[in-house]
PDB file of N, CA and C in Angstrom:
ATOM      1  N   UNK A   1       0.746  -1.083  -0.056  1.00  0.00           N
ATOM      2  CA  UNK A   1      -0.021   0.008   0.165  1.00  0.00           C
ATOM      3  C   UNK A   1       0.871   1.238   0.019  1.00  0.00           C
ATOM      4  N   UNK A   2       0.684   2.105  -0.967  1.00  0.00           N
ATOM      5  CA  UNK A   2       1.571   3.277  -1.019  1.00  0.00           C
ATOM      6  C   UNK A   2       0.772   4.455  -0.473  1.00  0.00           C
ATOM      7  N   UNK A   3       1.481   5.227   0.048  1.00  0.00           N
ATOM      8  CA  UNK A   3       0.913   6.596   0.673  1.00  0.00           C
ATOM      9  C   UNK A   3       1.363   7.829  -0.221  1.00  0.00           C
ATOM     10  N   UNK A   4       0.488   8.744  -0.166  1.00  0.00           N
ATOM     11  CA  UNK A   4       0.699  10.009  -0.972  1.00  0.00           C
ATOM     12  C   UNK A   4       1.653  10.787  -0.022  1.00  0.00           C
ATOM     13  N   UNK A   5       2.884  10.918  -0.487  1.00  0.00           N
ATOM     14  CA  UNK A   5       3.865  11.694   0.369  1.00  0.00           C
ATOM     15  C   UNK A   5       3.585  13.218   0.162  1.00  0.00           C
ATOM     16  N   UNK A   6       2.678  13.614  -0.779  1.00  0.00           N
ATOM     17  CA  UNK A   6       2.502  15.002  -1.010  1.00  0.00           C
ATOM     18  C   UNK A   6       1.188  15.440  -0.377  1.00  0.00           C
ATOM     19  N   UNK A   7       0.559  14.516   0.139  1.00  0.00           N
ATOM     20  CA  UNK A   7      -0.709  14.952   0.933  1.00  0.00           C
ATOM     21  C   UNK A   7      -0.668  16.055   1.881  1.00  0.00           C
ATOM     22  N   UNK A   8      -1.215  17.136   1.826  1.00  0.00           N
ATOM     23  CA  UNK A   8      -1.269  18.431   2.551  1.00  0.00           C
ATOM     24  C   UNK A   8      -0.178  19.335   2.166  1.00  0.00           C
ATOM     25  N   UNK A   9       0.695  19.101   1.217  1.00  0.00           N
ATOM     26  CA  UNK A   9       1.708  19.753   1.016  1.00  0.00           C
ATOM     27  C   UNK A   9       1.443  21.304   0.701  1.00  0.00           C
ATOM     28  N   UNK A  10       0.418  21.545  -0.143  1.00  0.00           N
ATOM     29  CA  UNK A  10       0.075  22.900  -0.591  1.00  0.00           C
ATOM     30  C   UNK A  10      -0.543  23.505   0.593  1.00  0.00           C
ATOM     31  N   UNK A  11      -1.136  23.009   1.669  1.00  0.00           N
ATOM     32  CA  UNK A  11      -1.832  23.565   2.862  1.00  0.00           C
ATOM     33  C   UNK A  11      -0.777  24.032   3.734  1.00  0.00           C
ATOM     34  N   UNK A  12       0.493  23.468   3.625  1.00  0.00           N
ATOM     35  CA  UNK A  12       1.515  23.828   4.506  1.00  0.00           C
ATOM     36  C   UNK A  12       2.289  25.151   4.202  1.00  0.00           C
ATOM     37  N   UNK A  13       1.913  26.249   4.540  1.00  0.00           N
ATOM     38  CA  UNK A  13       2.694  27.543   3.981  1.00  0.00           C
ATOM     39  C   UNK A  13       3.905  27.689   4.825  1.00  0.00           C
ATOM     40  N   UNK A  14       4.216  26.763   5.736  1.00  0.00           N
ATOM     41  CA  UNK A  14       5.545  26.841   6.555  1.00  0.00           C
ATOM     42  C   UNK A  14       6.639  26.206   5.825  1.00  0.00           C
ATOM     43  N   UNK A  15       6.340  25.294   4.893  1.00  0.00           N
ATOM     44  CA  UNK A  15       7.292  24.470   4.205  1.00  0.00           C
ATOM     45  C   UNK A  15       8.171  25.417   3.465  1.00  0.00           C
ATOM     46  N   UNK A  16       9.493  25.251   3.498  1.00  0.00           N
ATOM     47  CA  UNK A  16      10.464  26.167   2.810  1.00  0.00           C
ATOM     48  C   UNK A  16      10.229  26.146   1.293  1.00  0.00           C
ATOM     49  N   UNK A  17       9.781  25.072   0.561  1.00  0.00           N
ATOM     50  CA  UNK A  17       9.673  25.042  -0.608  1.00  0.00           C
ATOM     51  C   UNK A  17       8.604  25.911  -1.297  1.00  0.00           C
ATOM     52  N   UNK A  18       7.583  26.157  -0.369  1.00  0.00           N
ATOM     53  CA  UNK A  18       6.295  27.118  -0.600  1.00  0.00           C
ATOM     54  C   UNK A  18       6.852  28.455  -1.116  1.00  0.00           C
ATOM     55  N   UNK A  19       7.964  28.962  -0.728  1.00  0.00           N
ATOM     56  CA  UNK A  19       8.402  30.355  -0.792  1.00  0.00           C
ATOM     57  C   UNK A  19       9.606  30.453  -1.689  1.00  0.00           C
ATOM     58  N   UNK A  20       9.958  29.299  -2.275  1.00  0.00           N
ATOM     59  CA  UNK A  20      11.228  29.361  -3.099  1.00  0.00           C
ATOM     60  C   UNK A  20      11.119  30.022  -4.503  1.00  0.00           C
ATOM     61  N   UNK A  21      10.006  29.644  -5.164  1.00  0.00           N
ATOM     62  CA  UNK A  21       9.722  30.213  -6.655  1.00  0.00           C
ATOM     63  C   UNK A  21       8.541  30.747  -6.740  1.00  0.00           C
ATOM     64  N   UNK A  22       8.258  31.904  -6.387  1.00  0.00           N
ATOM     65  CA  UNK A  22       6.887  32.551  -6.538  1.00  0.00           C
ATOM     66  C   UNK A  22       6.974  33.335  -7.716  1.00  0.00           C
ATOM     67  N   UNK A  23       5.775  32.962  -8.765  1.00  0.00           N
ATOM     68  CA  UNK A  23       5.884  33.437 -10.074  1.00  0.00           C
ATOM     69  C   UNK A  23       5.486  34.885  -9.972  1.00  0.00           C
ATOM     70  N   UNK A  24       5.835  35.671 -11.015  1.00  0.00           N
ATOM     71  CA  UNK A  24       5.372  37.058 -11.229  1.00  0.00           C
ATOM     72  C   UNK A  24       4.160  37.112 -11.528  1.00  0.00           C
ATOM     73  N   UNK A  25       3.420  38.224 -11.501  1.00  0.00           N
ATOM     74  CA  UNK A  25       2.120  38.426 -11.905  1.00  0.00           C
ATOM     75  C   UNK A  25       1.938  38.120 -13.434  1.00  0.00           C
ATOM     76  N   UNK A  26       2.822  38.554 -14.184  1.00  0.00           N
ATOM     77  CA  UNK A  26       2.782  38.388 -15.563  1.00  0.00           C
ATOM     78  C   UNK A  26       2.953  36.815 -15.889  1.00  0.00           C
ATOM     79  N   UNK A  27       3.785  36.190 -15.241  1.00  0.00           N
ATOM     80  CA  UNK A  27       3.742  34.660 -15.374  1.00  0.00           C
ATOM     81  C   UNK A  27       2.626  33.982 -15.171  1.00  0.00           C
ATOM     82  N   UNK A  28       1.900  34.486 -14.059  1.00  0.00           N
ATOM     83  CA  UNK A  28       0.524  33.908 -13.805  1.00  0.00           C
ATOM     84  C   UNK A  28      -0.447  34.111 -14.673  1.00  0.00           C
ATOM     85  N   UNK A  29      -0.461  35.458 -15.266  1.00  0.00           N
ATOM     86  CA  UNK A  29      -1.437  35.541 -16.207  1.00  0.00           C
ATOM     87  C   UNK A  29      -1.239  34.949 -17.500  1.00  0.00           C
ATOM     88  N   UNK A  30       0.000  34.698 -17.927  1.00  0.00           N
ATOM     89  CA  UNK A  30       0.504  34.144 -19.177  1.00  0.00           C
ATOM     90  C   UNK A  30      -0.054  32.743 -19.033  1.00  0.00           C
ATOM     91  N   UNK A  31       0.129  32.082 -17.844  1.00  0.00           N
ATOM     92  CA  UNK A  31      -0.421  30.554 -17.516  1.00  0.00           C
ATOM     93  C   UNK A  31      -1.836  30.554 -17.642  1.00  0.00           C
ATOM     94  N   UNK A  32      -2.450  31.561 -17.081  1.00  0.00           N
ATOM     95  CA  UNK A  32      -4.060  31.625 -17.171  1.00  0.00           C
ATOM     96  C   UNK A  32      -4.386  31.555 -18.880  1.00  0.00           C
ATOM     97  N   UNK A  33      -3.636  32.586 -19.622  1.00  0.00           N
ATOM     98  CA  UNK A  33      -3.823  32.523 -21.072  1.00  0.00           C
ATOM     99  C   UNK A  33      -3.693  31.176 -21.646  1.00  0.00           C
ATOM    100  N   UNK A  34      -2.620  30.444 -21.258  1.00  0.00           N
ATOM    101  CA  UNK A  34      -2.497  29.280 -21.914  1.00  0.00           C
ATOM    102  C   UNK A  34      -3.410  28.111 -21.531  1.00  0.00           C
ATOM    103  N   UNK A  35      -4.044  28.246 -20.244  1.00  0.00           N
ATOM    104  CA  UNK A  35      -4.997  27.267 -19.914  1.00  0.00           C
ATOM    105  C   UNK A  35      -6.422  27.523 -20.726  1.00  0.00           C
ATOM    106  N   UNK A  36      -6.685  28.809 -20.849  1.00  0.00           N
ATOM    107  CA  UNK A  36      -7.917  29.133 -21.329  1.00  0.00           C
ATOM    108  C   UNK A  36      -7.797  28.950 -22.925  1.00  0.00           C
ATOM    109  N   UNK A  37      -6.567  29.222 -23.466  1.00  0.00           N
ATOM    110  CA  UNK A  37      -6.346  28.981 -25.023  1.00  0.00           C
ATOM    111  C   UNK A  37      -6.337  27.516 -25.403  1.00  0.00           C
ATOM    112  N   UNK A  38      -5.868  26.741 -24.434  1.00  0.00           N
ATOM    113  CA  UNK A  38      -5.883  25.214 -24.639  1.00  0.00           C
ATOM    114  C   UNK A  38      -7.109  24.687 -24.584  1.00  0.00           C
ATOM    115  N   UNK A  39      -8.010  24.953 -23.696  1.00  0.00           N
ATOM    116  CA  UNK A  39      -9.401  24.442 -23.513  1.00  0.00           C
ATOM    117  C   UNK A  39     -10.308  25.461 -23.326  1.00  0.00           C
ATOM    118  N   UNK A  40     -10.974  25.786 -24.483  1.00  0.00           N
ATOM    119  CA  UNK A  40     -12.020  26.775 -24.624  1.00  0.00           C
ATOM    120  C   UNK A  40     -13.343  26.650 -23.863  1.00  0.00           C
ATOM    121  N   UNK A  41     -13.467  25.558 -23.234  1.00  0.00           N
ATOM    122  CA  UNK A  41     -14.540  25.320 -22.323  1.00  0.00           C
ATOM    123  C   UNK A  41     -14.062  25.212 -20.812  1.00  0.00           C
ATOM    124  N   UNK A  42     -12.819  25.888 -20.539  1.00  0.00           N
ATOM    125  CA  UNK A  42     -12.425  25.889 -19.319  1.00  0.00           C
ATOM    126  C   UNK A  42     -13.083  26.058 -17.982  1.00  0.00           C
ATOM    127  N   UNK A  43     -14.201  26.946 -18.327  1.00  0.00           N
ATOM    128  CA  UNK A  43     -15.099  27.340 -17.392  1.00  0.00           C
ATOM    129  C   UNK A  43     -16.052  26.320 -16.771  1.00  0.00           C
ATOM    130  N   UNK A  44     -16.205  25.177 -17.668  1.00  0.00           N
ATOM    131  CA  UNK A  44     -16.955  24.034 -17.335  1.00  0.00           C
ATOM    132  C   UNK A  44     -16.269  22.933 -16.617  1.00  0.00           C
ATOM    133  N   UNK A  45     -15.078  23.137 -16.344  1.00  0.00           N
ATOM    134  CA  UNK A  45     -14.218  22.184 -15.662  1.00  0.00           C
ATOM    135  C   UNK A  45     -13.920  22.652 -14.292  1.00  0.00           C
ATOM    136  N   UNK A  46     -14.432  21.906 -13.205  1.00  0.00           N
ATOM    137  CA  UNK A  46     -14.167  22.487 -11.794  1.00  0.00           C
ATOM    138  C   UNK A  46     -12.750  22.572 -11.251  1.00  0.00           C
ATOM    139  N   UNK A  47     -12.064  21.460 -11.772  1.00  0.00           N
ATOM    140  CA  UNK A  47     -10.700  21.643 -11.405  1.00  0.00           C
ATOM    141  C   UNK A  47      -9.915  22.811 -12.167  1.00  0.00           C
ATOM    142  N   UNK A  48      -9.945  22.903 -13.440  1.00  0.00           N
ATOM    143  CA  UNK A  48      -9.593  24.226 -13.936  1.00  0.00           C
ATOM    144  C   UNK A  48      -9.990  25.541 -13.471  1.00  0.00           C
ATOM    145  N   UNK A  49     -11.334  25.447 -12.996  1.00  0.00           N
ATOM    146  CA  UNK A  49     -11.924  26.790 -12.379  1.00  0.00           C
ATOM    147  C   UNK A  49     -11.125  27.112 -11.135  1.00  0.00           C
ATOM    148  N   UNK A  50     -10.669  26.125 -10.275  1.00  0.00           N
ATOM    149  CA  UNK A  50      -9.979  26.268  -9.036  1.00  0.00           C
ATOM    150  C   UNK A  50      -8.605  26.822  -9.282  1.00  0.00           C
ATOM    151  N   UNK A  51      -7.957  26.371 -10.337  1.00  0.00           N
ATOM    152  CA  UNK A  51      -6.705  26.902 -10.806  1.00  0.00           C
ATOM    153  C   UNK A  51      -6.844  28.211 -11.218  1.00  0.00           C
ATOM    154  N   UNK A  52      -7.806  28.553 -12.040  1.00  0.00           N
ATOM    155  CA  UNK A  52      -7.943  29.937 -12.615  1.00  0.00           C
ATOM    156  C   UNK A  52      -8.288  30.908 -11.373  1.00  0.00           C
ATOM    157  N   UNK A  53      -9.166  30.501 -10.591  1.00  0.00           N
ATOM    158  CA  UNK A  53      -9.542  31.358  -9.360  1.00  0.00           C
ATOM    159  C   UNK A  53      -8.366  31.610  -8.548  1.00  0.00           C
ATOM    160  N   UNK A  54      -7.664  30.619  -8.361  1.00  0.00           N
ATOM    161  CA  UNK A  54      -6.373  30.887  -7.450  1.00  0.00           C
ATOM    162  C   UNK A  54      -5.202  31.744  -8.021  1.00  0.00           C
ATOM    163  N   UNK A  55      -5.121  31.631  -9.495  1.00  0.00           N
ATOM    164  CA  UNK A  55      -4.352  32.613 -10.256  1.00  0.00           C
ATOM    165  C   UNK A  55      -4.942  34.086 -10.062  1.00  0.00           C
ATOM    166  N   UNK A  56      -6.166  34.020 -10.331  1.00  0.00           N
ATOM    167  CA  UNK A  56      -6.829  35.438 -10.347  1.00  0.00           C
ATOM    168  C   UNK A  56      -6.563  36.166  -8.861  1.00  0.00           C
ATOM    169  N   UNK A  57      -6.791  35.262  -7.952  1.00  0.00           N
ATOM    170  CA  UNK A  57      -6.743  35.794  -6.561  1.00  0.00           C
ATOM    171  C   UNK A  57      -5.233  36.249  -6.335  1.00  0.00           C
ATOM    172  N   UNK A  58      -4.421  35.557  -6.819  1.00  0.00           N
ATOM    173  CA  UNK A  58      -2.881  35.930  -6.515  1.00  0.00           C
ATOM    174  C   UNK A  58      -2.561  37.264  -7.203  1.00  0.00           C
ATOM    175  N   UNK A  59      -3.228  37.365  -8.489  1.00  0.00           N
ATOM    176  CA  UNK A  59      -2.911  38.649  -9.169  1.00  0.00           C
ATOM    177  C   UNK A  59      -3.620  39.893  -8.386  1.00  0.00           C
ATOM    178  N   UNK A  60      -4.848  39.580  -8.038  1.00  0.00           N
ATOM    179  CA  UNK A  60      -5.654  40.643  -7.356  1.00  0.00           C
ATOM    180  C   UNK A  60      -4.823  41.102  -6.114  1.00  0.00           C
ATOM    181  N   UNK A  61      -4.392  40.334  -5.311  1.00  0.00           N
ATOM    182  CA  UNK A  61      -3.771  40.553  -4.050  1.00  0.00           C
ATOM    183  C   UNK A  61      -2.496  41.307  -4.438  1.00  0.00           C
ATOM    184  N   UNK A  62      -1.600  40.990  -5.483  1.00  0.00           N
ATOM    185  CA  UNK A  62      -0.621  41.713  -5.886  1.00  0.00           C
ATOM    186  C   UNK A  62      -0.976  43.047  -6.299  1.00  0.00           C
ATOM    187  N   UNK A  63      -2.036  43.218  -7.228  1.00  0.00           N
ATOM    188  CA  UNK A  63      -2.120  44.638  -7.697  1.00  0.00           C
ATOM    189  C   UNK A  63      -2.919  45.443  -6.556  1.00  0.00           C
ATOM    190  N   UNK A  64      -3.481  45.008  -5.737  1.00  0.00           N
ATOM    191  CA  UNK A  64      -4.031  45.676  -4.657  1.00  0.00           C
ATOM    192  C   UNK A  64      -2.809  46.224  -3.726  1.00  0.00           C
ATOM    193  N   UNK A  65      -1.744  45.264  -3.335  1.00  0.00           N
ATOM    194  CA  UNK A  65      -0.715  45.716  -2.674  1.00  0.00           C
ATOM    195  C   UNK A  65       0.048  46.802  -3.386  1.00  0.00           C
ATOM    196  N   UNK A  66       0.289  46.815  -4.697  1.00  0.00           N
ATOM    197  CA  UNK A  66       0.915  47.902  -5.400  1.00  0.00           C
ATOM    198  C   UNK A  66       0.221  49.113  -5.466  1.00  0.00           C
ATOM    199  N   UNK A  67      -1.033  49.000  -5.653  1.00  0.00           N
ATOM    200  CA  UNK A  67      -1.873  50.213  -5.512  1.00  0.00           C
ATOM    201  C   UNK A  67      -1.706  51.043  -4.053  1.00  0.00           C
ATOM    202  N   UNK A  68      -1.838  50.236  -3.146  1.00  0.00           N
ATOM    203  CA  UNK A  68      -1.764  50.694  -1.687  1.00  0.00           C
ATOM    204  C   UNK A  68      -0.409  51.363  -1.582  1.00  0.00           C
ATOM    205  N   UNK A  69       0.563  50.778  -2.097  1.00  0.00           N
ATOM    206  CA  UNK A  69       1.907  51.264  -1.894  1.00  0.00           C
ATOM    207  C   UNK A  69       2.309  52.390  -2.956  1.00  0.00           C
ATOM    208  N   UNK A  70       1.305  52.896  -3.704  1.00  0.00           N
ATOM    209  CA  UNK A  70       1.469  53.876  -4.667  1.00  0.00           C
ATOM    210  C   UNK A  70       2.420  53.452  -5.865  1.00  0.00           C
ATOM    211  N   UNK A  71       2.642  52.171  -6.157  1.00  0.00           N
ATOM    212  CA  UNK A  71       3.428  51.727  -7.229  1.00  0.00           C
ATOM    213  C   UNK A  71       2.758  51.382  -8.386  1.00  0.00           C
ATOM    214  N   UNK A  72       3.450  51.441  -9.492  1.00  0.00           N
ATOM    215  CA  UNK A  72       2.927  51.007 -10.724  1.00  0.00           C
ATOM    216  C   UNK A  72       2.968  49.458 -10.785  1.00  0.00           C
ATOM    217  N   UNK A  73       1.888  48.735 -10.983  1.00  0.00           N
ATOM    218  CA  UNK A  73       2.062  47.273 -11.158  1.00  0.00           C
ATOM    219  C   UNK A  73       2.726  46.685 -12.390  1.00  0.00           C
ATOM    220  N   UNK A  74       2.894  47.443 -13.444  1.00  0.00           N
ATOM    221  CA  UNK A  74       3.707  47.050 -14.551  1.00  0.00           C
ATOM    222  C   UNK A  74       3.153  46.034 -15.380  1.00  0.00           C
ATOM    223  N   UNK A  75       1.751  46.111 -15.317  1.00  0.00           N
ATOM    224  CA  UNK A  75       0.927  44.992 -16.019  1.00  0.00           C
ATOM    225  C   UNK A  75       0.586  45.700 -17.347  1.00  0.00           C
ATOM    226  N   UNK A  76       0.696  44.845 -18.543  1.00  0.00           N
ATOM    227  CA  UNK A  76       0.440  45.477 -19.816  1.00  0.00           C
ATOM    228  C   UNK A  76      -1.100  45.581 -19.996  1.00  0.00           C
ATOM    229  N   UNK A  77      -1.665  46.557 -20.705  1.00  0.00           N
ATOM    230  CA  UNK A  77      -2.931  46.715 -20.836  1.00  0.00           C
ATOM    231  C   UNK A  77      -3.747  45.377 -21.475  1.00  0.00           C
ATOM    232  N   UNK A  78      -3.073  44.766 -22.323  1.00  0.00           N
ATOM    233  CA  UNK A  78      -3.559  43.657 -22.833  1.00  0.00           C
ATOM    234  C   UNK A  78      -3.960  42.551 -21.863  1.00  0.00           C
ATOM    235  N   UNK A  79      -2.910  42.454 -20.920  1.00  0.00           N
ATOM    236  CA  UNK A  79      -3.089  41.558 -19.756  1.00  0.00           C
ATOM    237  C   UNK A  79      -4.156  41.873 -18.804  1.00  0.00           C
ATOM    238  N   UNK A  80      -4.376  43.023 -18.669  1.00  0.00           N
ATOM    239  CA  UNK A  80      -5.449  43.690 -17.828  1.00  0.00           C
ATOM    240  C   UNK A  80      -6.873  43.405 -18.481  1.00  0.00           C
ATOM    241  N   UNK A  81      -6.839  43.524 -19.924  1.00  0.00           N
ATOM    242  CA  UNK A  81      -8.074  43.330 -20.591  1.00  0.00           C
ATOM    243  C   UNK A  81      -8.559  41.887 -20.604  1.00  0.00           C
ATOM    244  N   UNK A  82      -7.532  40.939 -20.664  1.00  0.00           N
ATOM    245  CA  UNK A  82      -7.643  39.636 -20.873  1.00  0.00           C
ATOM    246  C   UNK A  82      -8.259  39.287 -19.257  1.00  0.00           C
ATOM    247  N   UNK A  83      -7.705  39.729 -18.251  1.00  0.00           N
ATOM    248  CA  UNK A  83      -8.249  39.437 -16.898  1.00  0.00           C
ATOM    249  C   UNK A  83      -9.757  39.826 -16.745  1.00  0.00           C
ATOM    250  N   UNK A  84      -9.792  40.978 -17.201  1.00  0.00           N
ATOM    251  CA  UNK A  84     -11.365  41.366 -17.140  1.00  0.00           C
ATOM    252  C   UNK A  84     -12.216  40.578 -17.832  1.00  0.00           C
ATOM    253  N   UNK A  85     -11.902  40.062 -19.000  1.00  0.00           N
ATOM    254  CA  UNK A  85     -12.822  39.121 -19.840  1.00  0.00           C
ATOM    255  C   UNK A  85     -12.935  37.850 -19.121  1.00  0.00           C
ATOM    256  N   UNK A  86     -11.850  37.381 -18.522  1.00  0.00           N
ATOM    257  CA  UNK A  86     -11.702  36.123 -17.830  1.00  0.00           C
ATOM    258  C   UNK A  86     -12.647  36.147 -16.490  1.00  0.00           C
ATOM    259  N   UNK A  87     -12.423  37.139 -15.761  1.00  0.00           N
ATOM    260  CA  UNK A  87     -13.375  37.316 -14.603  1.00  0.00           C
ATOM    261  C   UNK A  87     -14.826  37.456 -14.950  1.00  0.00           C
ATOM    262  N   UNK A  88     -15.127  37.994 -16.155  1.00  0.00           N
ATOM    263  CA  UNK A  88     -16.425  38.112 -16.533  1.00  0.00           C
ATOM    264  C   UNK A  88     -16.970  36.761 -16.796  1.00  0.00           C
ATOM    265  N   UNK A  89     -16.175  35.922 -17.521  1.00  0.00           N
ATOM    266  CA  UNK A  89     -16.646  34.648 -17.909  1.00  0.00           C
ATOM    267  C   UNK A  89     -16.789  33.657 -16.758  1.00  0.00           C
ATOM    268  N   UNK A  90     -15.828  33.636 -15.882  1.00  0.00           N
ATOM    269  CA  UNK A  90     -15.915  33.079 -14.535  1.00  0.00           C
ATOM    270  C   UNK A  90     -17.143  33.352 -13.630  1.00  0.00           C
ATOM    271  N   UNK A  91     -17.549  34.754 -13.559  1.00  0.00           N
ATOM    272  CA  UNK A  91     -18.730  35.108 -12.948  1.00  0.00           C
ATOM    273  C   UNK A  91     -19.997  34.527 -13.510  1.00  0.00           C
ATOM    274  N   UNK A  92     -19.992  34.857 -14.750  1.00  0.00           N
ATOM    275  CA  UNK A  92     -21.171  34.361 -15.579  1.00  0.00           C
ATOM    276  C   UNK A  92     -21.448  33.099 -15.536  1.00  0.00           C
ATOM    277  N   UNK A  93     -20.476  32.093 -15.338  1.00  0.00           N
ATOM    278  CA  UNK A  93     -20.752  30.729 -15.300  1.00  0.00           C
ATOM    279  C   UNK A  93     -20.583  30.068 -13.949  1.00  0.00           C
ATOM    280  N   UNK A  94     -20.485  30.990 -12.707  1.00  0.00           N
ATOM    281  CA  UNK A  94     -20.371  30.599 -11.479  1.00  0.00           C
ATOM    282  C   UNK A  94     -21.491  29.578 -10.948  1.00  0.00           C
ATOM    283  N   UNK A  95     -22.817  29.994 -11.317  1.00  0.00           N
ATOM    284  CA  UNK A  95     -23.807  29.376 -10.731  1.00  0.00           C
ATOM    285  C   UNK A  95     -24.015  27.931 -11.312  1.00  0.00           C
ATOM    286  N   UNK A  96     -23.757  27.754 -12.557  1.00  0.00           N
ATOM    287  CA  UNK A  96     -23.919  26.612 -13.156  1.00  0.00           C
ATOM    288  C   UNK A  96     -22.729  25.649 -13.036  1.00  0.00           C
ATOM    289  N   UNK A  97     -21.467  26.163 -13.105  1.00  0.00           N
ATOM    290  CA  UNK A  97     -20.374  25.189 -13.013  1.00  0.00           C
ATOM    291  C   UNK A  97     -19.462  25.139 -11.849  1.00  0.00           C
ATOM    292  N   UNK A  98     -19.537  26.278 -10.987  1.00  0.00           N
ATOM    293  CA  UNK A  98     -18.564  26.106  -9.908  1.00  0.00           C
ATOM    294  C   UNK A  98     -18.864  25.076  -8.801  1.00  0.00           C
ATOM    295  N   UNK A  99     -17.785  24.266  -8.598  1.00  0.00           N
ATOM    296  CA  UNK A  99     -17.850  23.155  -7.654  1.00  0.00           C
ATOM    297  C   UNK A  99     -17.921  23.640  -6.065  1.00  0.00           C
ATOM    298  N   UNK A 100     -18.117  22.699  -5.277  1.00  0.00           N
ATOM    299  CA  UNK A 100     -18.159  23.077  -3.901  1.00  0.00           C
ATOM    300  C   UNK A 100     -16.838  23.592  -3.373  1.00  0.00           C
ATOM    301  N   UNK A 101     -15.720  23.229  -3.749  1.00  0.00           N
ATOM    302  CA  UNK A 101     -14.295  23.772  -3.135  1.00  0.00           C
ATOM    303  C   UNK A 101     -14.405  25.170  -3.690  1.00  0.00           C
ATOM    304  N   UNK A 102     -14.673  25.465  -4.751  1.00  0.00           N
ATOM    305  CA  UNK A 102     -14.696  26.860  -5.361  1.00  0.00           C
ATOM    306  C   UNK A 102     -15.535  27.665  -4.648  1.00  0.00           C
ATOM    307  N   UNK A 103     -16.828  27.217  -4.392  1.00  0.00           N
ATOM    308  CA  UNK A 103     -17.783  27.953  -3.736  1.00  0.00           C
ATOM    309  C   UNK A 103     -17.415  28.322  -2.240  1.00  0.00           C
ATOM    310  N   UNK A 104     -16.660  27.418  -1.804  1.00  0.00           N
ATOM    311  CA  UNK A 104     -15.927  27.544  -0.410  1.00  0.00           C
ATOM    312  C   UNK A 104     -14.800  28.544  -0.421  1.00  0.00           C
ATOM    313  N   UNK A 105     -13.969  28.505  -1.211  1.00  0.00           N
ATOM    314  CA  UNK A 105     -12.767  29.313  -1.272  1.00  0.00           C
ATOM    315  C   UNK A 105     -12.915  30.566  -1.855  1.00  0.00           C
ATOM    316  N   UNK A 106     -13.730  30.717  -2.879  1.00  0.00           N
ATOM    317  CA  UNK A 106     -14.045  31.951  -3.799  1.00  0.00           C
ATOM    318  C   UNK A 106     -15.515  32.231  -3.917  1.00  0.00           C
ATOM    319  N   UNK A 107     -16.098  32.419  -2.715  1.00  0.00           N
ATOM    320  CA  UNK A 107     -17.559  32.925  -2.734  1.00  0.00           C
ATOM    321  C   UNK A 107     -17.865  34.102  -3.765  1.00  0.00           C
ATOM    322  N   UNK A 108     -18.891  34.181  -4.255  1.00  0.00           N
ATOM    323  CA  UNK A 108     -19.230  35.544  -5.008  1.00  0.00           C
ATOM    324  C   UNK A 108     -20.495  35.947  -4.244  1.00  0.00           C
ATOM    325  N   UNK A 109     -20.415  37.325  -3.692  1.00  0.00           N
ATOM    326  CA  UNK A 109     -21.450  37.916  -3.112  1.00  0.00           C
ATOM    327  C   UNK A 109     -21.992  38.948  -4.009  1.00  0.00           C
ATOM    328  N   UNK A 110     -23.063  39.065  -4.643  1.00  0.00           N
ATOM    329  CA  UNK A 110     -23.476  40.013  -5.388  1.00  0.00           C
ATOM    330  C   UNK A 110     -24.379  41.191  -4.478  1.00  0.00           C
ATOM    331  N   UNK A 111     -24.056  42.409  -4.815  1.00  0.00           N
ATOM    332  CA  UNK A 111     -24.834  43.493  -4.122  1.00  0.00           C
ATOM    333  C   UNK A 111     -26.311  43.335  -4.715  1.00  0.00           C
ATOM    334  N   UNK A 112     -27.128  43.646  -3.808  1.00  0.00           N
ATOM    335  CA  UNK A 112     -28.659  43.577  -4.278  1.00  0.00           C
ATOM    336  C   UNK A 112     -28.993  44.659  -5.114  1.00  0.00           C
ATOM    337  N   UNK A 113     -28.094  45.732  -5.199  1.00  0.00           N
ATOM    338  CA  UNK A 113     -28.605  46.929  -6.023  1.00  0.00           C
ATOM    339  C   UNK A 113     -28.051  46.746  -7.589  1.00  0.00           C
ATOM    340  N   UNK A 114     -27.317  45.487  -7.721  1.00  0.00           N
ATOM    341  CA  UNK A 114     -26.795  45.511  -9.060  1.00  0.00           C
ATOM    342  C   UNK A 114     -27.672  44.623 -10.015  1.00  0.00           C
TER     343      UNK A 114
END
């Protein structure tokens, strides 16, 4: 009987490997572009949705931090446009395709005024 030696690895933020190679925001966005370009129905796959939500969350936190520090995030306007379209696709398909884990980690709360 084999055991999964990687069980819980990504939940352990204290592990030194978790901070060794943090990708840049541009690298994260380029990865999201590759995922979406390779599978045009990415929004229907709950596993891909989790990856995409995690990448978008990482980018959002970086951009907010840069804004709060008064720094230019250095994101190309094309990348920003892609992220806006991606976010729109993910929100539009949330009710139909989001899995339980996505709903737990990345809940969407709409304003009643919208």
